[in-house]
Protein backbone atom coordinates (compact mmCIF):
# COMPACT_ATOMS: atom_id res chain seq x y z
CA MET A 1 0.00 0.00 0.00
CA ASN A 2 1.52 3.31 -1.00
CA ALA A 3 0.87 6.76 0.46
CA THR A 4 -1.45 7.87 -2.34
CA SER A 5 -3.88 5.03 -1.76
CA ARG A 6 -4.42 6.11 1.85
CA HIS A 7 -5.94 9.49 0.99
CA ALA A 8 -9.61 9.97 1.72
CA ALA A 9 -12.04 10.09 -1.19
CA PRO A 10 -13.21 13.45 -2.56
CA LEU A 11 -15.81 15.19 -0.42
CA ARG A 12 -18.17 18.14 -0.91
CA VAL A 13 -19.50 19.99 2.15
CA GLU A 14 -21.91 22.90 1.91
CA VAL A 15 -21.17 25.47 4.61
CA LEU A 16 -24.60 26.83 5.46
CA PRO A 17 -25.81 29.64 7.74
CA GLN A 18 -26.12 28.65 11.40
CA PRO A 19 -29.06 30.58 12.91
CA ALA A 20 -28.68 28.91 16.32
CA LEU A 21 -25.06 30.07 16.49
CA GLN A 22 -26.06 33.57 15.38
CA LEU A 23 -28.72 33.68 18.09
CA ALA A 24 -26.23 32.55 20.76
CA VAL A 25 -23.65 35.17 19.74
CA SER A 26 -26.35 37.85 19.57
CA PHE A 27 -27.53 36.91 23.06
CA LEU A 28 -23.96 37.05 24.42
CA ALA A 29 -23.48 40.50 22.87
CA LEU A 30 -26.77 41.60 24.44
CA LEU A 31 -25.70 40.32 27.87
CA ALA A 32 -22.31 42.03 27.61
CA ALA A 33 -23.92 45.33 26.65
CA ALA A 34 -26.51 44.97 29.42
CA SER A 35 -23.82 44.39 32.04
CA LEU A 36 -21.81 47.40 30.85
CA SER A 37 -24.95 49.55 30.77
CA ALA A 38 -25.93 48.42 34.27
CA ALA A 39 -22.45 49.24 35.57
CA GLY A 40 -22.58 52.66 33.90
CA VAL A 41 -26.01 53.41 35.37
CA ALA A 42 -24.93 52.18 38.82
CA HIS A 43 -21.95 54.55 38.77
CA GLN A 44 -24.10 57.33 37.31
CA LEU A 45 -21.92 57.56 34.19
CA VAL A 46 -24.76 57.12 31.69
CA SER A 47 -28.50 57.42 31.69
CA ALA A 48 -30.63 54.29 31.73
CA TRP A 49 -32.27 55.59 28.56
CA HIS A 50 -29.09 54.87 26.61
CA SER A 51 -29.90 51.18 27.02
CA VAL A 52 -32.99 51.64 24.86
CA TRP A 53 -30.86 51.97 21.74
CA VAL A 54 -27.55 50.40 22.87
CA LEU A 55 -28.91 46.95 23.73
CA PRO A 56 -30.74 46.28 20.42
CA LEU A 57 -27.79 47.73 18.50
CA CYS A 58 -25.35 45.36 20.25
CA ALA A 59 -27.66 42.38 19.71
CA ALA A 60 -27.95 43.24 16.00
CA LEU A 61 -24.18 43.65 15.76
CA GLY A 62 -23.68 40.22 17.38
CA TRP A 63 -26.12 38.70 14.87
CA ARG A 64 -24.29 40.33 11.97
CA VAL A 65 -20.79 39.34 13.14
CA ALA A 66 -21.82 35.69 13.56
CA ARG A 67 -23.26 35.51 10.03
CA VAL A 68 -21.94 32.63 7.92
CA ARG A 69 -21.91 33.09 4.15
CA PRO A 70 -22.88 30.04 2.09
CA ARG A 71 -19.72 28.37 0.81
CA LEU A 72 -18.48 25.07 -0.54
CA LEU A 73 -15.72 23.20 1.20
CA LEU A 74 -14.17 20.63 -1.12
CA TRP A 75 -11.66 17.88 -0.41
CA ASP A 76 -10.09 16.56 -3.62
CA GLY A 77 -8.12 13.75 -1.99
CA GLN A 78 -5.03 15.94 -1.50
CA SER A 79 -6.12 19.34 -0.20
CA TRP A 80 -9.07 21.37 1.06
CA ARG A 81 -10.47 24.20 -1.10
CA LEU A 82 -13.03 26.81 -0.12
CA HIS A 83 -15.32 28.29 -2.78
CA GLU A 84 -17.91 31.03 -2.69
CA ARG A 85 -21.26 29.44 -3.54
CA GLU A 86 -23.94 30.63 -5.91
CA ALA A 87 -27.65 30.25 -5.14
CA SER A 88 -27.76 27.13 -7.32
CA GLY A 89 -25.07 25.49 -5.16
CA ALA A 90 -22.36 25.66 -7.83
CA PRO A 91 -18.93 27.10 -6.99
CA ARG A 92 -18.62 30.74 -8.07
CA ASP A 93 -14.83 31.06 -8.08
CA PRO A 94 -11.75 28.82 -8.41
CA GLY A 95 -11.46 28.68 -4.64
CA VAL A 96 -8.67 29.00 -2.14
CA GLU A 97 -6.49 26.15 -0.92
CA LEU A 98 -6.76 25.82 2.86
CA ARG A 99 -5.36 24.06 5.86
CA LEU A 100 -8.14 23.30 8.32
CA ALA A 101 -7.81 22.92 12.07
CA ALA A 102 -10.58 21.96 14.48
CA VAL A 103 -10.85 24.67 17.13
CA PHE A 104 -13.83 23.13 18.92
CA ASP A 105 -14.93 19.57 18.38
CA PHE A 106 -18.16 18.65 20.07
CA ASP A 107 -19.46 15.44 18.52
CA ASP A 108 -22.43 17.16 16.88
CA TRP A 109 -20.74 20.49 16.14
CA LEU A 110 -17.36 21.59 14.76
CA LEU A 111 -15.70 24.97 14.58
CA LEU A 112 -12.96 24.89 11.96
CA ARG A 113 -10.25 27.52 11.50
CA ALA A 114 -9.29 27.93 7.86
CA GLN A 115 -5.74 29.04 7.07
CA ARG A 116 -4.69 29.85 3.52
CA VAL A 117 -1.92 27.65 2.07
CA ASP A 118 -1.33 29.47 -1.23
CA ALA A 119 2.00 31.30 -0.99
CA ALA A 120 1.58 32.78 -4.49
CA ALA A 121 -1.25 35.08 -3.38
CA PRO A 122 -0.62 38.84 -3.18
CA LEU A 123 0.97 40.03 0.06
CA LEU A 124 -2.05 42.00 1.29
CA GLN A 125 -4.35 39.03 0.71
CA ARG A 126 -1.98 36.71 2.64
CA LEU A 127 -1.82 39.20 5.52
CA ARG A 128 -5.61 39.39 5.62
CA TRP A 129 -5.84 35.61 5.91
CA HIS A 130 -3.15 35.65 8.59
CA TRP A 131 -4.61 38.41 10.78
CA VAL A 132 -8.33 37.90 10.17
CA PRO A 133 -8.98 34.19 10.57
CA LEU A 134 -11.87 32.51 8.84
CA TYR A 135 -13.95 30.24 11.03
CA LEU A 136 -16.37 27.71 9.60
CA PRO A 137 -19.08 26.41 11.95
CA LEU A 138 -20.45 23.03 10.91
CA SER A 139 -23.11 20.92 12.58
CA ARG A 140 -24.47 17.43 12.17
CA ARG A 141 -27.98 18.88 11.87
CA ARG A 142 -27.02 21.12 8.91
CA GLN A 143 -24.83 18.49 7.15
CA PRO A 144 -26.51 15.17 8.00
CA GLY A 145 -25.53 13.28 4.85
CA VAL A 146 -21.80 13.94 5.01
CA TRP A 147 -21.16 14.38 8.75
CA GLY A 148 -19.41 11.07 9.41
CA THR A 149 -17.39 11.27 6.21
CA LEU A 150 -16.47 14.90 6.95
CA ARG A 151 -15.13 14.08 10.40
CA ALA A 152 -13.20 11.06 9.16
CA THR A 153 -11.75 13.00 6.23
CA LEU A 154 -10.87 16.02 8.35
CA PHE A 155 -8.89 14.06 10.89
CA ALA A 156 -7.38 11.61 8.37
CA ALA A 157 -6.24 14.54 6.19
CA ARG A 158 -4.68 16.26 9.18
CA ALA A 159 -2.86 13.08 10.20
CA SER A 160 -1.54 12.51 6.67
CA GLN A 161 -0.38 16.13 6.36
CA ASP A 162 1.34 15.93 9.75
CA GLY A 163 2.91 12.62 8.77
CA GLN A 164 4.23 14.00 5.49
CA SER A 165 5.81 17.03 7.15
CA THR A 166 7.51 14.99 9.88
CA ARG A 167 8.53 12.25 7.46
CA GLY A 168 10.11 14.82 5.13
CA ALA A 169 12.13 16.28 8.01
CA ARG A 170 13.11 12.81 9.24
CA ASP A 171 14.35 11.74 5.78
CA GLN A 172 16.80 14.64 5.67
CA PRO A 173 20.37 13.80 6.67
CA PRO A 174 22.04 15.90 9.39
CA GLY A 175 22.90 19.33 8.04
CA GLY A 176 19.67 19.60 6.03
CA ALA A 177 21.05 18.71 2.62
CA GLY A 178 18.81 16.20 0.92
CA PRO A 179 19.86 13.53 -1.54
CA ALA A 180 20.58 14.76 -5.05
CA THR A 181 18.17 13.32 -7.59
């Protein structure tokens, strides 16, 4: 069995909006604003009437920040690619090659951090991907048909990428010079 036969089969995952996540983030923003408003009112720094417009504004901002745009996450057997998605479900652009890492892994819900791999991208675009991370929330309820395959592929792909990077370093002789081919 060679290394290429151990790669997971191609996979297509539709990243869909997560209204439950948006509601939770909106509620947390509302609670944070309410606590700051209550502290300000208690110390007589602001009027209680400021809460009338501050609390809904913070809740709406939390809803907006937690918005997930519809995208396609594709595994081609070698790498992950993220595509903007049209209303028909077809990819709109050639996509971006990614390295995915699971930030939170609850059995029914995943939060993935996407990091761009393409070194040929313009400098400003690479900096944007470095400083403004892209998080992809996925849930079993929103992706029921591919959930098991997604989890298996995600962790098998990570293990094979980690294995290739450590194997490449281990195959190098001391001094870092590789064999001439």
